[in-house]
Amino acid sequence: ETILKMYRLAREHKWDEAYAMQTRALAFFAGFDTILEKLGEGCIDPVCDKGLGLAAGGIVGHPRTRAPYIGWSEESVRAVRAWMKKDFPDFVAKA
């Protein structure tokens, strides 16, 4: 929802609003890299996508992935979710 809104604002030439959202997204990904490093989790694209989707509440399921990838632990998903709720609640799916 957030990314679609940012795209819409840019398409409507509302540059200041779109830029503010882009700056927020950049801060999110910088913090995301930091928390993944702390947790010792990798960020191979399919693993990262699934773990982040689970943490954000956009998908449900188990964090395991097919070989050769190693999915995040459930504890890591919970830790990322807690971080997102605290620092980036606008990036968490609404129930």
Protein backbone atom coordinates (compact mmCIF):
# COMPACT_ATOMS: atom_id res chain seq x y z
CA GLU A 1 0.00 0.00 0.00
CA THR A 2 2.79 2.44 0.92
CA ILE A 3 4.77 1.83 -2.27
CA LEU A 4 1.65 2.17 -4.41
CA LYS A 5 0.88 5.48 -2.73
CA MET A 6 4.44 6.70 -3.35
CA TYR A 7 4.14 5.72 -7.01
CA ARG A 8 0.78 7.51 -7.33
CA LEU A 9 2.23 10.69 -5.78
CA ALA A 10 5.17 10.62 -8.18
CA ARG A 11 2.86 10.02 -11.13
CA GLU A 12 0.82 13.05 -10.01
CA HIS A 13 4.04 15.10 -9.81
CA LYS A 14 3.70 15.58 -6.05
CA TRP A 15 7.44 15.34 -5.72
CA ASP A 16 7.87 16.55 -2.14
CA GLU A 17 5.41 13.98 -0.78
CA ALA A 18 6.81 11.18 -2.93
CA TYR A 19 10.38 12.08 -1.93
CA ALA A 20 9.47 12.04 1.77
CA MET A 21 8.05 8.54 1.33
CA GLN A 22 11.14 7.43 -0.59
CA THR A 23 13.35 8.76 2.21
CA ARG A 24 11.30 6.73 4.71
CA ALA A 25 11.67 3.60 2.58
CA LEU A 26 15.44 4.11 2.40
CA ALA A 27 15.58 4.45 6.20
CA PHE A 28 13.58 1.23 6.50
CA PHE A 29 15.96 -0.75 4.30
CA ALA A 30 19.02 0.65 6.09
CA GLY A 31 17.57 -0.45 9.42
CA PHE A 32 16.48 -3.76 7.93
CA ASP A 33 20.06 -4.54 6.88
CA THR A 34 21.23 -3.73 10.42
CA ILE A 35 18.69 -5.98 12.13
CA LEU A 36 19.40 -8.86 9.73
CA GLU A 37 23.08 -8.58 10.50
CA LYS A 38 22.35 -8.60 14.26
CA LEU A 39 20.13 -11.66 13.89
CA GLY A 40 22.67 -13.45 11.73
CA GLU A 41 20.10 -14.02 9.01
CA GLY A 42 20.94 -13.92 5.35
CA CYS A 43 19.22 -11.83 2.77
CA ILE A 44 19.22 -14.01 -0.32
CA ASP A 45 16.27 -12.56 -2.21
CA PRO A 46 13.65 -15.35 -1.84
CA VAL A 47 14.51 -15.87 1.83
CA CYS A 48 14.45 -12.16 2.57
CA ASP A 49 11.19 -11.65 0.67
CA LYS A 50 9.46 -14.47 2.53
CA GLY A 51 10.78 -13.46 5.96
CA LEU A 52 9.84 -9.83 5.43
CA GLY A 53 6.41 -10.79 4.09
CA LEU A 54 5.79 -12.89 7.19
CA ALA A 55 7.10 -10.21 9.55
CA ALA A 56 5.00 -7.50 7.90
CA GLY A 57 1.87 -9.63 8.04
CA GLY A 58 1.43 -9.64 4.29
CA ILE A 59 1.62 -13.42 4.07
CA VAL A 60 1.06 -16.27 6.50
CA GLY A 61 2.93 -19.54 6.79
CA HIS A 62 6.26 -20.93 7.88
CA PRO A 63 9.58 -19.20 7.16
CA ARG A 64 11.18 -22.32 5.65
CA THR A 65 12.23 -22.21 2.03
CA ARG A 66 13.31 -24.82 -0.48
CA ALA A 67 16.91 -25.93 -0.77
CA PRO A 68 19.45 -24.61 -1.33
CA TYR A 69 18.13 -21.65 0.69
CA ILE A 70 17.94 -21.57 4.46
CA GLY A 71 14.90 -19.70 5.74
CA TRP A 72 14.80 -17.41 8.73
CA SER A 73 14.00 -18.81 12.14
CA GLU A 74 10.57 -18.07 13.61
CA GLU A 75 12.38 -16.08 16.32
CA SER A 76 13.92 -13.86 13.65
CA VAL A 77 10.53 -13.29 12.02
CA ARG A 78 9.16 -12.24 15.42
CA ALA A 79 12.15 -9.94 16.03
CA VAL A 80 11.78 -8.24 12.64
CA ARG A 81 8.02 -7.88 13.23
CA ALA A 82 8.65 -6.26 16.64
CA TRP A 83 11.19 -3.88 15.09
CA MET A 84 8.79 -2.97 12.30
CA LYS A 85 5.89 -2.36 14.70
CA LYS A 86 8.11 -0.13 16.83
CA ASP A 87 9.99 1.83 14.17
CA PHE A 88 7.99 1.39 10.95
CA PRO A 89 4.37 0.64 11.85
CA ASP A 90 3.27 2.04 8.50
CA PHE A 91 5.08 -0.88 6.84
CA VAL A 92 3.09 -3.51 8.76
CA ALA A 93 -0.13 -4.85 7.24
CA LYS A 94 -3.26 -3.74 9.00
CA ALA A 95 -5.34 -6.56 10.41
